[in-house]
Amino acid sequence: MRPLANFWKLVQNENMKIYRRMRTWVMLGIVVLIPIVVTVAFLLLSDSKDANNWEMMQLETTILFSLITIFTVVVAADSVAGEFSTGTIKLLLIRPWSRSSILLSKFIALVLFSVLLSVVCFVLTWGVNTLVFGFSSDTSGLIPANSPLAGQSPWTYMGLDYLYEWIELIVIVAFAFMLSSAFRSSGLAIGLSIFLLFAGSMITGLLSVTNKPWVKYVLFSNLDLTAYLNGGNPVPNFKTTVGFSLSVLAVYFIVFNIVSWTIFRRRDVAA
């Protein structure tokens, strides 16, 4: 139990590095503010008097998860690269911890940060819209008729929506973490990860035109898991399942982390 308790202190140390930065609280403030701003803007600019709290929640969630992914990528990119650029990596390595433990503690801190922002997003988007528009059990505008979840509870649909969005976030963060470890450049990690986030669907569309079977194994082609909730799939012209896409993402996730761990453990920091 003592090694586990000591390791948790290492995770706490990484958490303190995240939450002592002013940018973290600015990020959290933006996540809190956006649902309020979007809902108020809708009330002021729309003539609709029968808005559905679930539909507004889904709209705001889509906006917020893009931002949450970017925010977590920024923290991930700086997590390793920042230690090298400031020279604090040497202070970490002189402690009685293996490099693997140090890197694992950093990644766990990132996961906890992403979970915090996701929970705040859920609570705020649901709470604000339920308070303003009331609680509705009407899912006609939320769940498409051809969705495998048609007729089910909006809680089930939104719960899976959040889970799929979060899985996409974690894969992209693992990619940023790998680049940060490999190149010690937070700018490169942030830039390529944001490109992956926003250009993925466009690249998937271009690749699907080739109609080659290997397209369905490309990372870009499996990131948009929420497509399954709407009765489609993230890979046009190919029949894939949620299980298939999760398996592909799991392989990429493992590869990203193997590269991160291998490079970080072997990197010379004497210079």
C-alpha atoms as a PDB file:
ATOM      1  CA  MET A   1       0.000   0.000   0.000  1.00  0.00           C
ATOM      2  CA  ARG A   2       2.877   2.376   0.755  1.00  0.00           C
ATOM      3  CA  PRO A   3       4.220   2.372  -2.847  1.00  0.00           C
ATOM      4  CA  LEU A   4       0.708   3.088  -4.112  1.00  0.00           C
ATOM      5  CA  ALA A   5       0.272   5.944  -1.612  1.00  0.00           C
ATOM      6  CA  ASN A   6       3.643   7.393  -2.596  1.00  0.00           C
ATOM      7  CA  PHE A   7       2.763   7.114  -6.278  1.00  0.00           C
ATOM      8  CA  TRP A   8      -0.497   8.972  -5.622  1.00  0.00           C
ATOM      9  CA  LYS A   9       1.587  11.794  -4.128  1.00  0.00           C
ATOM     10  CA  LEU A  10       3.424  11.944  -7.439  1.00  0.00           C
ATOM     11  CA  VAL A  11       0.060  12.244  -9.220  1.00  0.00           C
ATOM     12  CA  GLN A  12      -0.953  14.972  -6.757  1.00  0.00           C
ATOM     13  CA  ASN A  13       2.243  16.820  -7.577  1.00  0.00           C
ATOM     14  CA  GLU A  14       1.356  16.738 -11.285  1.00  0.00           C
ATOM     15  CA  ASN A  15      -2.154  17.944 -10.460  1.00  0.00           C
ATOM     16  CA  MET A  16      -0.717  20.867  -8.530  1.00  0.00           C
ATOM     17  CA  LYS A  17       1.370  21.828 -11.560  1.00  0.00           C
ATOM     18  CA  ILE A  18      -1.816  21.927 -13.635  1.00  0.00           C
ATOM     19  CA  TYR A  19      -4.080  23.786 -11.196  1.00  0.00           C
ATOM     20  CA  ARG A  20      -1.515  26.341 -10.072  1.00  0.00           C
ATOM     21  CA  ARG A  21      -1.425  27.749 -13.601  1.00  0.00           C
ATOM     22  CA  MET A  22      -3.734  30.679 -14.295  1.00  0.00           C
ATOM     23  CA  ARG A  23      -4.528  29.279 -17.748  1.00  0.00           C
ATOM     24  CA  THR A  24      -6.201  26.248 -16.136  1.00  0.00           C
ATOM     25  CA  TRP A  25      -8.715  28.439 -14.312  1.00  0.00           C
ATOM     26  CA  VAL A  26      -9.286  30.486 -17.460  1.00  0.00           C
ATOM     27  CA  MET A  27     -10.063  27.234 -19.303  1.00  0.00           C
ATOM     28  CA  LEU A  28     -12.434  26.150 -16.548  1.00  0.00           C
ATOM     29  CA  GLY A  29     -14.084  29.572 -16.596  1.00  0.00           C
ATOM     30  CA  ILE A  30     -14.688  29.294 -20.341  1.00  0.00           C
ATOM     31  CA  VAL A  31     -16.293  25.861 -19.899  1.00  0.00           C
ATOM     32  CA  VAL A  32     -18.586  27.335 -17.230  1.00  0.00           C
ATOM     33  CA  LEU A  33     -19.399  30.464 -19.219  1.00  0.00           C
ATOM     34  CA  ILE A  34     -20.219  29.034 -22.647  1.00  0.00           C
ATOM     35  CA  PRO A  35     -23.441  27.153 -21.710  1.00  0.00           C
ATOM     36  CA  ILE A  36     -24.760  30.297 -20.055  1.00  0.00           C
ATOM     37  CA  VAL A  37     -23.829  32.524 -23.011  1.00  0.00           C
ATOM     38  CA  VAL A  38     -25.256  30.151 -25.639  1.00  0.00           C
ATOM     39  CA  THR A  39     -28.523  29.694 -23.744  1.00  0.00           C
ATOM     40  CA  VAL A  40     -28.961  33.420 -23.138  1.00  0.00           C
ATOM     41  CA  ALA A  41     -28.121  34.174 -26.786  1.00  0.00           C
ATOM     42  CA  PHE A  42     -30.732  31.637 -27.895  1.00  0.00           C
ATOM     43  CA  LEU A  43     -33.361  33.260 -25.690  1.00  0.00           C
ATOM     44  CA  LEU A  44     -32.556  36.740 -27.033  1.00  0.00           C
ATOM     45  CA  LEU A  45     -32.186  35.869 -30.723  1.00  0.00           C
ATOM     46  CA  SER A  46     -34.690  33.066 -31.259  1.00  0.00           C
ATOM     47  CA  ASP A  47     -38.452  33.280 -31.482  1.00  0.00           C
ATOM     48  CA  SER A  48     -38.879  29.648 -30.518  1.00  0.00           C
ATOM     49  CA  LYS A  49     -40.828  29.216 -27.301  1.00  0.00           C
ATOM     50  CA  ASP A  50     -40.705  25.428 -27.127  1.00  0.00           C
ATOM     51  CA  ALA A  51     -36.958  24.830 -26.954  1.00  0.00           C
ATOM     52  CA  ASN A  52     -35.929  21.432 -25.645  1.00  0.00           C
ATOM     53  CA  ASN A  53     -33.377  21.287 -22.842  1.00  0.00           C
ATOM     54  CA  TRP A  54     -31.791  18.115 -24.292  1.00  0.00           C
ATOM     55  CA  GLU A  55     -31.346  19.589 -27.759  1.00  0.00           C
ATOM     56  CA  MET A  56     -29.702  22.699 -26.340  1.00  0.00           C
ATOM     57  CA  MET A  57     -27.528  20.526 -24.132  1.00  0.00           C
ATOM     58  CA  GLN A  58     -26.345  18.511 -27.141  1.00  0.00           C
ATOM     59  CA  LEU A  59     -25.539  21.665 -29.125  1.00  0.00           C
ATOM     60  CA  GLU A  60     -23.517  23.146 -26.283  1.00  0.00           C
ATOM     61  CA  THR A  61     -21.806  19.810 -25.606  1.00  0.00           C
ATOM     62  CA  THR A  62     -20.591  19.633 -29.212  1.00  0.00           C
ATOM     63  CA  ILE A  63     -19.102  23.114 -28.912  1.00  0.00           C
ATOM     64  CA  LEU A  64     -17.599  22.519 -25.489  1.00  0.00           C
ATOM     65  CA  PHE A  65     -15.995  19.160 -26.213  1.00  0.00           C
ATOM     66  CA  SER A  66     -14.001  20.667 -29.061  1.00  0.00           C
ATOM     67  CA  LEU A  67     -12.722  23.279 -26.615  1.00  0.00           C
ATOM     68  CA  ILE A  68     -12.152  20.748 -23.824  1.00  0.00           C
ATOM     69  CA  THR A  69     -10.084  18.631 -26.220  1.00  0.00           C
ATOM     70  CA  ILE A  70      -8.000  21.665 -27.186  1.00  0.00           C
ATOM     71  CA  PHE A  71      -7.536  22.659 -23.544  1.00  0.00           C
ATOM     72  CA  THR A  72      -6.430  19.159 -22.531  1.00  0.00           C
ATOM     73  CA  VAL A  73      -4.091  18.960 -25.540  1.00  0.00           C
ATOM     74  CA  VAL A  74      -2.459  22.244 -24.486  1.00  0.00           C
ATOM     75  CA  VAL A  75      -1.859  20.865 -20.988  1.00  0.00           C
ATOM     76  CA  ALA A  76      -0.651  17.518 -22.391  1.00  0.00           C
ATOM     77  CA  ALA A  77       1.748  19.174 -24.825  1.00  0.00           C
ATOM     78  CA  ASP A  78       3.291  21.214 -22.023  1.00  0.00           C
ATOM     79  CA  SER A  79       3.335  18.326 -19.554  1.00  0.00           C
ATOM     80  CA  VAL A  80       6.576  16.794 -20.876  1.00  0.00           C
ATOM     81  CA  ALA A  81       7.935  19.370 -23.331  1.00  0.00           C
ATOM     82  CA  GLY A  82       7.553  22.125 -20.730  1.00  0.00           C
ATOM     83  CA  GLU A  83       9.682  20.183 -18.241  1.00  0.00           C
ATOM     84  CA  PHE A  84      12.518  19.997 -20.781  1.00  0.00           C
ATOM     85  CA  SER A  85      12.267  23.620 -21.894  1.00  0.00           C
ATOM     86  CA  THR A  86      12.369  24.943 -18.311  1.00  0.00           C
ATOM     87  CA  GLY A  87      14.930  22.415 -17.107  1.00  0.00           C
ATOM     88  CA  THR A  88      12.697  21.107 -14.309  1.00  0.00           C
ATOM     89  CA  ILE A  89      12.868  17.600 -15.770  1.00  0.00           C
ATOM     90  CA  LYS A  90      16.237  17.156 -14.005  1.00  0.00           C
ATOM     91  CA  LEU A  91      14.600  17.853 -10.637  1.00  0.00           C
ATOM     92  CA  LEU A  92      12.043  15.159 -11.353  1.00  0.00           C
ATOM     93  CA  LEU A  93      14.589  12.553 -12.409  1.00  0.00           C
ATOM     94  CA  ILE A  94      16.776  12.921  -9.328  1.00  0.00           C
ATOM     95  CA  ARG A  95      13.871  11.748  -7.193  1.00  0.00           C
ATOM     96  CA  PRO A  96      13.560   8.026  -6.316  1.00  0.00           C
ATOM     97  CA  TRP A  97      11.034   7.382  -9.063  1.00  0.00           C
ATOM     98  CA  SER A  98      11.437   5.527 -12.308  1.00  0.00           C
ATOM     99  CA  ARG A  99      10.862   7.412 -15.536  1.00  0.00           C
ATOM    100  CA  SER A 100       7.869   5.182 -16.240  1.00  0.00           C
ATOM    101  CA  SER A 101       6.262   6.212 -12.945  1.00  0.00           C
ATOM    102  CA  ILE A 102       6.853   9.886 -13.682  1.00  0.00           C
ATOM    103  CA  LEU A 103       5.316   9.621 -17.147  1.00  0.00           C
ATOM    104  CA  LEU A 104       2.382   7.556 -15.879  1.00  0.00           C
ATOM    105  CA  SER A 105       1.639  10.128 -13.173  1.00  0.00           C
ATOM    106  CA  LYS A 106       1.590  12.869 -15.799  1.00  0.00           C
ATOM    107  CA  PHE A 107      -0.834  10.938 -17.986  1.00  0.00           C
ATOM    108  CA  ILE A 108      -3.135  10.106 -15.058  1.00  0.00           C
ATOM    109  CA  ALA A 109      -3.200  13.802 -14.120  1.00  0.00           C
ATOM    110  CA  LEU A 110      -4.222  14.627 -17.704  1.00  0.00           C
ATOM    111  CA  VAL A 111      -7.006  12.036 -17.620  1.00  0.00           C
ATOM    112  CA  LEU A 112      -8.297  13.447 -14.320  1.00  0.00           C
ATOM    113  CA  PHE A 113      -8.195  16.957 -15.795  1.00  0.00           C
ATOM    114  CA  SER A 114     -10.219  15.837 -18.819  1.00  0.00           C
ATOM    115  CA  VAL A 115     -12.736  14.077 -16.548  1.00  0.00           C
ATOM    116  CA  LEU A 116     -13.142  17.230 -14.436  1.00  0.00           C
ATOM    117  CA  LEU A 117     -13.841  19.401 -17.479  1.00  0.00           C
ATOM    118  CA  SER A 118     -16.244  16.777 -18.894  1.00  0.00           C
ATOM    119  CA  VAL A 119     -18.189  16.562 -15.625  1.00  0.00           C
ATOM    120  CA  VAL A 120     -18.400  20.354 -15.374  1.00  0.00           C
ATOM    121  CA  CYS A 121     -19.593  20.420 -18.990  1.00  0.00           C
ATOM    122  CA  PHE A 122     -22.329  17.846 -18.296  1.00  0.00           C
ATOM    123  CA  VAL A 123     -23.554  19.469 -15.091  1.00  0.00           C
ATOM    124  CA  LEU A 124     -23.599  22.990 -16.538  1.00  0.00           C
ATOM    125  CA  THR A 125     -25.185  22.165 -19.908  1.00  0.00           C
ATOM    126  CA  TRP A 126     -27.898  20.051 -18.300  1.00  0.00           C
ATOM    127  CA  GLY A 127     -28.467  22.283 -15.299  1.00  0.00           C
ATOM    128  CA  VAL A 128     -28.618  25.618 -17.143  1.00  0.00           C
ATOM    129  CA  ASN A 129     -30.928  24.369 -19.888  1.00  0.00           C
ATOM    130  CA  THR A 130     -33.210  22.464 -17.528  1.00  0.00           C
ATOM    131  CA  LEU A 131     -33.471  25.554 -15.349  1.00  0.00           C
ATOM    132  CA  VAL A 132     -34.308  27.807 -18.324  1.00  0.00           C
ATOM    133  CA  PHE A 133     -36.380  25.490 -20.547  1.00  0.00           C
ATOM    134  CA  GLY A 134     -37.641  22.973 -18.027  1.00  0.00           C
ATOM    135  CA  PHE A 135     -37.198  19.208 -18.028  1.00  0.00           C
ATOM    136  CA  SER A 136     -38.518  17.481 -21.136  1.00  0.00           C
ATOM    137  CA  SER A 137     -38.932  13.790 -21.919  1.00  0.00           C
ATOM    138  CA  ASP A 138     -39.402  14.510 -25.637  1.00  0.00           C
ATOM    139  CA  THR A 139     -36.462  13.004 -27.520  1.00  0.00           C
ATOM    140  CA  SER A 140     -37.761  13.511 -31.070  1.00  0.00           C
ATOM    141  CA  GLY A 141     -35.284  16.325 -31.754  1.00  0.00           C
ATOM    142  CA  LEU A 142     -32.445  14.654 -29.873  1.00  0.00           C
ATOM    143  CA  ILE A 143     -32.432  11.025 -31.003  1.00  0.00           C
ATOM    144  CA  PRO A 144     -32.794  10.405 -34.767  1.00  0.00           C
ATOM    145  CA  ALA A 145     -35.459   7.934 -35.858  1.00  0.00           C
ATOM    146  CA  ASN A 146     -32.820   5.628 -37.388  1.00  0.00           C
ATOM    147  CA  SER A 147     -30.646   5.657 -34.264  1.00  0.00           C
ATOM    148  CA  PRO A 148     -30.146   2.311 -32.473  1.00  0.00           C
ATOM    149  CA  LEU A 149     -31.216   4.204 -29.334  1.00  0.00           C
ATOM    150  CA  ALA A 150     -34.502   5.470 -30.822  1.00  0.00           C
ATOM    151  CA  GLY A 151     -37.231   5.423 -28.206  1.00  0.00           C
ATOM    152  CA  GLN A 152     -34.825   5.138 -25.293  1.00  0.00           C
ATOM    153  CA  SER A 153     -34.127   7.560 -22.473  1.00  0.00           C
ATOM    154  CA  PRO A 154     -32.347  10.848 -23.282  1.00  0.00           C
ATOM    155  CA  TRP A 155     -30.058  10.059 -20.352  1.00  0.00           C
ATOM    156  CA  THR A 156     -28.843   6.933 -22.161  1.00  0.00           C
ATOM    157  CA  TYR A 157     -28.270   8.809 -25.401  1.00  0.00           C
ATOM    158  CA  MET A 158     -26.434  11.748 -23.814  1.00  0.00           C
ATOM    159  CA  GLY A 159     -24.449   9.407 -21.574  1.00  0.00           C
ATOM    160  CA  LEU A 160     -23.134   7.511 -24.599  1.00  0.00           C
ATOM    161  CA  ASP A 161     -22.588  10.779 -26.452  1.00  0.00           C
ATOM    162  CA  TYR A 162     -20.341  11.990 -23.630  1.00  0.00           C
ATOM    163  CA  LEU A 163     -18.539   8.651 -23.430  1.00  0.00           C
ATOM    164  CA  TYR A 164     -17.779   8.615 -27.166  1.00  0.00           C
ATOM    165  CA  GLU A 165     -16.685  12.264 -27.142  1.00  0.00           C
ATOM    166  CA  TRP A 166     -14.413  11.559 -24.195  1.00  0.00           C
ATOM    167  CA  ILE A 167     -12.835   8.508 -25.863  1.00  0.00           C
ATOM    168  CA  GLU A 168     -12.013  10.658 -28.909  1.00  0.00           C
ATOM    169  CA  LEU A 169     -10.522  13.253 -26.567  1.00  0.00           C
ATOM    170  CA  ILE A 170      -8.296  10.691 -24.805  1.00  0.00           C
ATOM    171  CA  VAL A 171      -6.938   9.305 -28.085  1.00  0.00           C
ATOM    172  CA  ILE A 172      -6.062  12.801 -29.329  1.00  0.00           C
ATOM    173  CA  VAL A 173      -4.481  13.660 -25.972  1.00  0.00           C
ATOM    174  CA  ALA A 174      -2.390  10.460 -26.141  1.00  0.00           C
ATOM    175  CA  PHE A 175      -1.224  11.611 -29.583  1.00  0.00           C
ATOM    176  CA  ALA A 176      -0.260  15.044 -28.197  1.00  0.00           C
ATOM    177  CA  PHE A 177       1.462  13.402 -25.233  1.00  0.00           C
ATOM    178  CA  MET A 178       3.501  11.228 -27.601  1.00  0.00           C
ATOM    179  CA  LEU A 179       4.610  14.220 -29.683  1.00  0.00           C
ATOM    180  CA  SER A 180       5.485  16.156 -26.539  1.00  0.00           C
ATOM    181  CA  SER A 181       7.650  13.266 -25.310  1.00  0.00           C
ATOM    182  CA  ALA A 182       9.244  12.589 -28.685  1.00  0.00           C
ATOM    183  CA  PHE A 183      10.033  16.093 -29.911  1.00  0.00           C
ATOM    184  CA  ARG A 184      10.045  18.147 -26.682  1.00  0.00           C
ATOM    185  CA  SER A 185       8.045  20.762 -28.594  1.00  0.00           C
ATOM    186  CA  SER A 186       4.705  21.824 -27.148  1.00  0.00           C
ATOM    187  CA  GLY A 187       3.945  23.914 -30.247  1.00  0.00           C
ATOM    188  CA  LEU A 188       4.300  20.933 -32.580  1.00  0.00           C
ATOM    189  CA  ALA A 189       2.218  18.717 -30.301  1.00  0.00           C
ATOM    190  CA  ILE A 190      -0.568  21.285 -30.053  1.00  0.00           C
ATOM    191  CA  GLY A 191      -0.581  22.092 -33.766  1.00  0.00           C
ATOM    192  CA  LEU A 192      -0.690  18.518 -35.041  1.00  0.00           C
ATOM    193  CA  SER A 193      -3.234  17.434 -32.426  1.00  0.00           C
ATOM    194  CA  ILE A 194      -5.623  20.264 -33.279  1.00  0.00           C
ATOM    195  CA  PHE A 195      -5.161  19.396 -36.957  1.00  0.00           C
ATOM    196  CA  LEU A 196      -6.120  15.814 -36.117  1.00  0.00           C
ATOM    197  CA  LEU A 197      -9.210  17.050 -34.277  1.00  0.00           C
ATOM    198  CA  PHE A 198     -10.589  19.349 -36.971  1.00  0.00           C
ATOM    199  CA  ALA A 199      -9.257  17.857 -40.215  1.00  0.00           C
ATOM    200  CA  GLY A 200     -10.022  14.247 -39.395  1.00  0.00           C
ATOM    201  CA  SER A 201     -13.507  14.191 -40.934  1.00  0.00           C
ATOM    202  CA  MET A 202     -12.281  15.893 -44.111  1.00  0.00           C
ATOM    203  CA  ILE A 203      -9.404  13.436 -44.496  1.00  0.00           C
ATOM    204  CA  THR A 204     -11.794  10.542 -43.866  1.00  0.00           C
ATOM    205  CA  GLY A 205     -14.061  11.802 -46.639  1.00  0.00           C
ATOM    206  CA  LEU A 206     -11.151  12.046 -49.071  1.00  0.00           C
ATOM    207  CA  LEU A 207      -9.820   8.598 -48.182  1.00  0.00           C
ATOM    208  CA  SER A 208     -13.233   6.961 -48.507  1.00  0.00           C
ATOM    209  CA  VAL A 209     -13.362   8.015 -52.162  1.00  0.00           C
ATOM    210  CA  THR A 210     -10.519   5.572 -52.865  1.00  0.00           C
ATOM    211  CA  ASN A 211     -12.758   2.729 -51.685  1.00  0.00           C
ATOM    212  CA  LYS A 212      -9.708   0.833 -50.421  1.00  0.00           C
ATOM    213  CA  PRO A 213     -10.281  -1.629 -47.553  1.00  0.00           C
ATOM    214  CA  TRP A 214      -7.358  -0.233 -45.531  1.00  0.00           C
ATOM    215  CA  VAL A 215      -9.178   3.096 -45.118  1.00  0.00           C
ATOM    216  CA  LYS A 216     -11.287   1.735 -42.267  1.00  0.00           C
ATOM    217  CA  TYR A 217      -8.119   1.078 -40.247  1.00  0.00           C
ATOM    218  CA  VAL A 218      -6.917   4.702 -40.428  1.00  0.00           C
ATOM    219  CA  LEU A 219      -7.109   6.652 -37.164  1.00  0.00           C
ATOM    220  CA  PHE A 220      -9.049   9.546 -38.713  1.00  0.00           C
ATOM    221  CA  SER A 221     -11.726   7.168 -39.928  1.00  0.00           C
ATOM    222  CA  ASN A 222     -12.677   5.938 -36.476  1.00  0.00           C
ATOM    223  CA  LEU A 223     -12.550   9.005 -34.258  1.00  0.00           C
ATOM    224  CA  ASP A 224     -16.154  10.160 -34.701  1.00  0.00           C
ATOM    225  CA  LEU A 225     -17.855   7.476 -32.609  1.00  0.00           C
ATOM    226  CA  THR A 226     -20.961   9.623 -32.152  1.00  0.00           C
ATOM    227  CA  ALA A 227     -21.868   8.806 -35.771  1.00  0.00           C
ATOM    228  CA  TYR A 228     -23.009   5.402 -34.522  1.00  0.00           C
ATOM    229  CA  LEU A 229     -25.523   7.064 -32.202  1.00  0.00           C
ATOM    230  CA  ASN A 230     -27.240   8.639 -35.206  1.00  0.00           C
ATOM    231  CA  GLY A 231     -27.600   5.397 -37.150  1.00  0.00           C
ATOM    232  CA  GLY A 232     -24.526   5.893 -39.345  1.00  0.00           C
ATOM    233  CA  ASN A 233     -20.841   5.145 -39.041  1.00  0.00           C
ATOM    234  CA  PRO A 234     -17.706   7.310 -39.143  1.00  0.00           C
ATOM    235  CA  VAL A 235     -16.319   5.602 -42.257  1.00  0.00           C
ATOM    236  CA  PRO A 236     -18.396   6.368 -45.373  1.00  0.00           C
ATOM    237  CA  ASN A 237     -18.879   3.460 -47.812  1.00  0.00           C
ATOM    238  CA  PHE A 238     -17.717   0.887 -45.255  1.00  0.00           C
ATOM    239  CA  LYS A 239     -19.723  -1.218 -42.827  1.00  0.00           C
ATOM    240  CA  THR A 240     -18.104  -0.856 -39.428  1.00  0.00           C
ATOM    241  CA  THR A 241     -19.332  -1.324 -35.874  1.00  0.00           C
ATOM    242  CA  VAL A 242     -18.736   0.425 -32.573  1.00  0.00           C
ATOM    243  CA  GLY A 243     -16.652  -2.538 -31.428  1.00  0.00           C
ATOM    244  CA  PHE A 244     -14.492  -2.359 -34.550  1.00  0.00           C
ATOM    245  CA  SER A 245     -13.823   1.372 -34.166  1.00  0.00           C
ATOM    246  CA  LEU A 246     -13.075   1.004 -30.448  1.00  0.00           C
ATOM    247  CA  SER A 247     -10.610  -1.794 -31.237  1.00  0.00           C
ATOM    248  CA  VAL A 248      -8.833   0.339 -33.854  1.00  0.00           C
ATOM    249  CA  LEU A 249      -8.658   3.309 -31.465  1.00  0.00           C
ATOM    250  CA  ALA A 250      -7.359   1.048 -28.688  1.00  0.00           C
ATOM    251  CA  VAL A 251      -4.499  -0.129 -30.921  1.00  0.00           C
ATOM    252  CA  TYR A 252      -3.527   3.459 -31.793  1.00  0.00           C
ATOM    253  CA  PHE A 253      -3.805   4.472 -28.130  1.00  0.00           C
ATOM    254  CA  ILE A 254      -1.457   1.658 -27.091  1.00  0.00           C
ATOM    255  CA  VAL A 255       1.015   2.493 -29.876  1.00  0.00           C
ATOM    256  CA  PHE A 256       1.049   6.197 -28.921  1.00  0.00           C
ATOM    257  CA  ASN A 257       1.791   5.337 -25.304  1.00  0.00           C
ATOM    258  CA  ILE A 258       4.451   2.757 -26.150  1.00  0.00           C
ATOM    259  CA  VAL A 259       6.253   5.376 -28.245  1.00  0.00           C
ATOM    260  CA  SER A 260       5.915   7.946 -25.422  1.00  0.00           C
ATOM    261  CA  TRP A 261       7.248   5.568 -22.765  1.00  0.00           C
ATOM    262  CA  THR A 262      10.072   4.203 -24.936  1.00  0.00           C
ATOM    263  CA  ILE A 263      11.407   7.616 -25.959  1.00  0.00           C
ATOM    264  CA  PHE A 264      11.030   9.176 -22.510  1.00  0.00           C
ATOM    265  CA  ARG A 265      12.826   6.298 -20.787  1.00  0.00           C
ATOM    266  CA  ARG A 266      15.765   6.417 -23.214  1.00  0.00           C
ATOM    267  CA  ARG A 267      16.102  10.166 -23.679  1.00  0.00           C
ATOM    268  CA  ASP A 268      19.313  11.762 -22.489  1.00  0.00           C
ATOM    269  CA  VAL A 269      18.612  14.817 -20.310  1.00  0.00           C
ATOM    270  CA  ALA A 270      22.195  15.533 -19.307  1.00  0.00           C
ATOM    271  CA  ALA A 271      22.511  18.318 -21.880  1.00  0.00           C
END
